[in-house]
N, C-alpha and C. Protein backbone atom coordinates (compact mmCIF):
# COMPACT_ATOMS: atom_id res chain seq x y z
N PHE A 1 281.35 117.93 75.90
CA PHE A 1 282.00 116.78 75.35
C PHE A 1 283.29 116.55 76.10
N ARG A 2 283.64 115.32 76.30
CA ARG A 2 284.90 114.98 76.96
C ARG A 2 285.70 114.09 76.02
N LEU A 3 286.98 114.35 75.97
CA LEU A 3 287.87 113.59 75.12
C LEU A 3 288.87 112.86 75.99
N GLN A 4 289.00 111.58 75.80
CA GLN A 4 289.94 110.78 76.59
C GLN A 4 291.37 111.21 76.26
N PRO A 5 292.34 110.83 77.09
CA PRO A 5 293.73 111.26 76.88
C PRO A 5 294.22 110.96 75.47
N MET A 6 295.00 111.91 74.94
CA MET A 6 295.55 111.75 73.60
C MET A 6 297.05 111.96 73.65
N PRO A 7 297.82 111.04 73.10
CA PRO A 7 299.28 111.19 73.10
C PRO A 7 299.69 112.45 72.35
N GLY A 8 300.71 113.13 72.86
CA GLY A 8 301.26 114.29 72.18
C GLY A 8 300.56 115.59 72.48
N ILE A 9 299.53 115.57 73.32
CA ILE A 9 298.83 116.81 73.65
C ILE A 9 299.04 117.09 75.12
N ASP A 10 299.63 118.23 75.41
CA ASP A 10 299.90 118.61 76.79
C ASP A 10 299.13 119.88 77.10
N ILE A 11 298.10 119.75 77.90
CA ILE A 11 297.31 120.90 78.32
C ILE A 11 297.47 121.05 79.81
N PRO A 12 298.01 122.19 80.27
CA PRO A 12 298.18 122.39 81.70
C PRO A 12 296.85 122.29 82.43
N THR A 13 296.89 121.81 83.65
CA THR A 13 295.68 121.69 84.45
C THR A 13 294.99 123.03 84.57
N ASN A 14 293.68 123.02 84.36
CA ASN A 14 292.83 124.20 84.50
C ASN A 14 293.19 125.35 83.58
N SER A 15 293.88 125.10 82.48
CA SER A 15 294.14 126.20 81.55
C SER A 15 292.84 126.58 80.87
N GLN A 16 292.73 127.81 80.51
CA GLN A 16 291.54 128.30 79.85
C GLN A 16 291.91 128.83 78.47
N VAL A 17 291.06 128.60 77.51
CA VAL A 17 291.22 129.14 76.18
C VAL A 17 290.33 130.36 76.10
N GLU A 18 290.84 131.44 75.50
CA GLU A 18 290.00 132.63 75.36
C GLU A 18 288.74 132.26 74.61
N ARG A 19 287.65 132.86 75.01
CA ARG A 19 286.38 132.61 74.36
C ARG A 19 286.50 133.00 72.89
N SER A 20 286.10 132.11 72.01
CA SER A 20 286.19 132.34 70.58
C SER A 20 284.81 132.14 69.97
N ASP A 21 284.29 133.16 69.33
CA ASP A 21 282.96 133.09 68.74
C ASP A 21 283.03 132.98 67.23
N ALA A 22 282.19 132.13 66.67
CA ALA A 22 282.02 132.04 65.22
C ALA A 22 280.54 132.25 64.97
N ALA A 23 280.21 133.30 64.27
CA ALA A 23 278.79 133.61 64.10
C ALA A 23 278.45 133.84 62.63
N SER A 24 277.24 133.50 62.27
CA SER A 24 276.69 133.83 60.97
C SER A 24 275.28 134.32 61.23
N GLU A 25 274.58 134.68 60.17
CA GLU A 25 273.21 135.13 60.35
C GLU A 25 272.32 134.02 60.88
N GLU A 26 272.69 132.77 60.60
CA GLU A 26 271.83 131.65 60.95
C GLU A 26 272.17 130.95 62.25
N SER A 27 273.45 130.91 62.60
CA SER A 27 273.83 130.16 63.80
C SER A 27 275.02 130.80 64.49
N GLN A 28 275.22 130.41 65.72
CA GLN A 28 276.36 130.90 66.49
C GLN A 28 276.88 129.77 67.35
N ALA A 29 278.21 129.62 67.37
CA ALA A 29 278.85 128.60 68.19
C ALA A 29 279.96 129.24 69.00
N THR A 30 280.16 128.76 70.20
CA THR A 30 281.19 129.30 71.08
C THR A 30 281.94 128.15 71.75
N ALA A 31 283.26 128.19 71.66
CA ALA A 31 284.09 127.27 72.44
C ALA A 31 284.43 128.02 73.71
N ASP A 32 283.75 127.70 74.80
CA ASP A 32 283.88 128.47 76.03
C ASP A 32 285.11 128.14 76.85
N SER A 33 285.50 126.90 76.92
CA SER A 33 286.67 126.58 77.72
C SER A 33 287.27 125.24 77.32
N LEU A 34 288.52 125.09 77.70
CA LEU A 34 289.26 123.87 77.45
C LEU A 34 290.12 123.65 78.68
N HIS A 35 289.97 122.52 79.33
CA HIS A 35 290.80 122.26 80.50
C HIS A 35 290.99 120.76 80.71
N ARG A 36 291.98 120.45 81.50
CA ARG A 36 292.28 119.05 81.80
C ARG A 36 291.66 118.70 83.14
N SER A 37 291.03 117.55 83.20
CA SER A 37 290.42 117.06 84.42
C SER A 37 290.97 115.66 84.67
N GLN A 38 291.99 115.55 85.48
CA GLN A 38 292.70 114.30 85.75
C GLN A 38 293.18 113.69 84.43
N THR A 39 292.51 112.70 83.91
CA THR A 39 292.96 112.05 82.68
C THR A 39 292.13 112.43 81.46
N GLN A 40 291.28 113.44 81.58
CA GLN A 40 290.43 113.84 80.47
C GLN A 40 290.73 115.27 80.05
N ILE A 41 290.52 115.54 78.78
CA ILE A 41 290.54 116.90 78.29
C ILE A 41 289.08 117.27 78.06
N VAL A 42 288.63 118.33 78.69
CA VAL A 42 287.23 118.73 78.61
C VAL A 42 287.11 119.96 77.72
N VAL A 43 286.29 119.86 76.69
CA VAL A 43 286.03 120.96 75.77
C VAL A 43 284.55 121.30 75.91
N GLU A 44 284.26 122.52 76.33
CA GLU A 44 282.87 122.96 76.47
C GLU A 44 282.50 123.77 75.24
N VAL A 45 281.48 123.31 74.51
CA VAL A 45 281.04 123.97 73.29
C VAL A 45 279.57 124.32 73.45
N GLU A 46 279.24 125.55 73.12
CA GLU A 46 277.87 126.03 73.23
C GLU A 46 277.45 126.58 71.88
N ALA A 47 276.24 126.22 71.42
CA ALA A 47 275.76 126.70 70.13
C ALA A 47 274.24 126.64 70.09
N ASN A 48 273.67 127.38 69.15
CA ASN A 48 272.22 127.29 68.97
C ASN A 48 271.88 126.27 67.89
N GLY A 49 272.89 125.57 67.40
CA GLY A 49 272.72 124.50 66.43
C GLY A 49 274.07 123.91 66.09
N PHE A 50 274.09 122.66 65.69
CA PHE A 50 275.35 121.99 65.36
C PHE A 50 275.25 121.33 64.00
N LEU A 51 276.31 121.41 63.23
CA LEU A 51 276.42 120.71 61.96
C LEU A 51 277.01 119.32 62.21
N TYR A 52 276.86 118.44 61.24
CA TYR A 52 277.42 117.10 61.33
C TYR A 52 278.93 117.19 61.55
N ASN A 53 279.44 116.51 62.56
CA ASN A 53 280.87 116.47 62.91
C ASN A 53 281.44 117.81 63.39
N MET A 54 280.61 118.78 63.66
CA MET A 54 281.09 120.11 64.05
C MET A 54 281.99 120.07 65.28
N VAL A 55 281.57 119.39 66.33
CA VAL A 55 282.37 119.35 67.56
C VAL A 55 283.66 118.58 67.30
N ARG A 56 283.59 117.50 66.55
CA ARG A 56 284.81 116.75 66.22
C ARG A 56 285.77 117.62 65.41
N ASN A 57 285.25 118.47 64.54
CA ASN A 57 286.10 119.38 63.77
C ASN A 57 286.74 120.42 64.68
N ILE A 58 285.98 120.94 65.62
CA ILE A 58 286.53 121.91 66.58
C ILE A 58 287.63 121.26 67.40
N VAL A 59 287.37 120.07 67.91
CA VAL A 59 288.36 119.36 68.74
C VAL A 59 289.60 119.04 67.92
N GLY A 60 289.44 118.59 66.69
CA GLY A 60 290.59 118.30 65.83
C GLY A 60 291.45 119.53 65.59
N THR A 61 290.81 120.67 65.43
CA THR A 61 291.54 121.92 65.24
C THR A 61 292.27 122.32 66.52
N LEU A 62 291.61 122.17 67.66
CA LEU A 62 292.27 122.47 68.94
C LEU A 62 293.43 121.52 69.21
N MET A 63 293.34 120.29 68.71
CA MET A 63 294.44 119.33 68.87
C MET A 63 295.70 119.83 68.16
N ILE A 64 295.53 120.44 67.00
CA ILE A 64 296.67 120.99 66.24
C ILE A 64 297.37 122.05 67.07
N VAL A 65 296.59 122.92 67.71
CA VAL A 65 297.17 123.97 68.56
C VAL A 65 297.79 123.34 69.81
N GLY A 66 297.12 122.36 70.40
CA GLY A 66 297.63 121.70 71.60
C GLY A 66 298.95 120.99 71.37
N ARG A 67 299.17 120.51 70.16
CA ARG A 67 300.44 119.85 69.81
C ARG A 67 301.51 120.86 69.41
N SER A 68 301.16 122.14 69.44
CA SER A 68 302.06 123.24 69.04
C SER A 68 302.41 123.19 67.56
N ASP A 69 301.56 122.56 66.75
CA ASP A 69 301.76 122.57 65.30
C ASP A 69 301.34 123.91 64.71
N GLN A 70 300.48 124.63 65.41
CA GLN A 70 300.04 125.97 65.03
C GLN A 70 299.91 126.80 66.30
N PRO A 71 300.10 128.13 66.21
CA PRO A 71 299.92 128.98 67.39
C PRO A 71 298.43 129.18 67.67
N PRO A 72 298.07 129.57 68.89
CA PRO A 72 296.66 129.82 69.21
C PRO A 72 296.00 130.83 68.28
N SER A 73 296.75 131.80 67.77
CA SER A 73 296.18 132.81 66.86
C SER A 73 295.69 132.19 65.55
N TRP A 74 296.15 130.99 65.23
CA TRP A 74 295.72 130.30 64.01
C TRP A 74 294.21 130.05 64.03
N ILE A 75 293.64 129.88 65.21
CA ILE A 75 292.19 129.65 65.32
C ILE A 75 291.43 130.80 64.68
N ASP A 76 291.89 132.04 64.90
CA ASP A 76 291.23 133.20 64.28
C ASP A 76 291.30 133.12 62.76
N GLU A 77 292.44 132.66 62.23
CA GLU A 77 292.59 132.51 60.78
C GLU A 77 291.62 131.46 60.24
N VAL A 78 291.48 130.36 60.96
CA VAL A 78 290.56 129.29 60.56
C VAL A 78 289.13 129.82 60.51
N LEU A 79 288.73 130.54 61.55
CA LEU A 79 287.37 131.08 61.59
C LEU A 79 287.14 132.11 60.50
N ALA A 80 288.13 132.97 60.26
CA ALA A 80 288.00 134.01 59.24
C ALA A 80 287.91 133.41 57.83
N ALA A 81 288.58 132.29 57.61
CA ALA A 81 288.58 131.66 56.29
C ALA A 81 287.20 131.11 55.92
N ARG A 82 286.43 130.71 56.92
CA ARG A 82 285.09 130.14 56.67
C ARG A 82 285.16 129.01 55.65
N ASP A 83 286.24 128.21 55.76
CA ASP A 83 286.50 127.11 54.83
C ASP A 83 286.97 125.92 55.65
N ARG A 84 286.20 124.86 55.67
CA ARG A 84 286.50 123.69 56.48
C ARG A 84 287.88 123.11 56.19
N THR A 85 288.35 123.22 54.96
CA THR A 85 289.63 122.63 54.59
C THR A 85 290.82 123.35 55.22
N VAL A 86 290.61 124.54 55.75
CA VAL A 86 291.69 125.30 56.40
C VAL A 86 291.90 124.80 57.83
N ALA A 87 290.88 124.22 58.42
CA ALA A 87 290.93 123.78 59.82
C ALA A 87 291.69 122.46 59.96
N GLY A 88 291.81 122.02 61.21
CA GLY A 88 292.46 120.75 61.51
C GLY A 88 291.61 119.57 61.10
N PRO A 89 292.12 118.37 61.32
CA PRO A 89 291.38 117.16 60.95
C PRO A 89 290.18 116.92 61.87
N THR A 90 289.26 116.12 61.41
CA THR A 90 288.13 115.72 62.24
C THR A 90 288.65 114.74 63.30
N ALA A 91 288.41 115.06 64.57
CA ALA A 91 288.86 114.18 65.65
C ALA A 91 288.13 112.85 65.57
N PRO A 92 288.80 111.75 65.91
CA PRO A 92 288.12 110.45 65.89
C PRO A 92 287.02 110.40 66.95
N PRO A 93 285.98 109.61 66.72
CA PRO A 93 284.88 109.56 67.67
C PRO A 93 285.21 108.83 68.97
N GLN A 94 286.22 107.97 68.95
CA GLN A 94 286.56 107.21 70.15
C GLN A 94 286.97 108.15 71.28
N GLY A 95 286.32 108.01 72.41
CA GLY A 95 286.66 108.81 73.58
C GLY A 95 285.93 110.13 73.66
N LEU A 96 285.27 110.53 72.61
CA LEU A 96 284.54 111.80 72.60
C LEU A 96 283.08 111.50 72.91
N PHE A 97 282.55 112.12 73.95
CA PHE A 97 281.16 111.83 74.28
C PHE A 97 280.44 113.05 74.83
N LEU A 98 279.14 113.07 74.60
CA LEU A 98 278.27 114.15 75.04
C LEU A 98 278.00 114.01 76.53
N VAL A 99 278.14 115.12 77.25
CA VAL A 99 277.93 115.10 78.69
C VAL A 99 276.61 115.75 79.06
N HIS A 100 276.24 116.84 78.39
CA HIS A 100 275.07 117.60 78.82
C HIS A 100 274.47 118.35 77.63
N VAL A 101 273.17 118.44 77.60
CA VAL A 101 272.45 119.25 76.62
C VAL A 101 271.55 120.20 77.40
N ASP A 102 271.59 121.48 77.05
CA ASP A 102 270.73 122.47 77.70
C ASP A 102 269.88 123.12 76.63
N TYR A 103 268.59 122.87 76.68
CA TYR A 103 267.69 123.43 75.69
C TYR A 103 267.21 124.83 76.07
N GLY A 104 267.64 125.33 77.21
CA GLY A 104 267.31 126.69 77.61
C GLY A 104 265.86 126.89 78.01
N TRP A 105 265.16 125.82 78.35
CA TRP A 105 263.76 125.96 78.73
C TRP A 105 263.64 126.30 80.17
């Protein structure tokens, strides 16, 4: 997914976010990287299944950290809580688009 430029978010070029895994017995999702590509912020998300608005929720939570409203360690607290209301807001759909799907075949 690629997100168009957003005011108030400063991500250094080619910065990487530590791999963060959220797993349950039924599904697993991984935010593999976050980096800036000219005027885009690129968020790579890998999972064996997605819930409605899941990527937008991940991006909204990363936006909170990107704005320095929360430290990066807050992501671990959000994942440990297993409660959607603890996370950041759902990112708006404008500018967010699917780039690639890999079915692993």
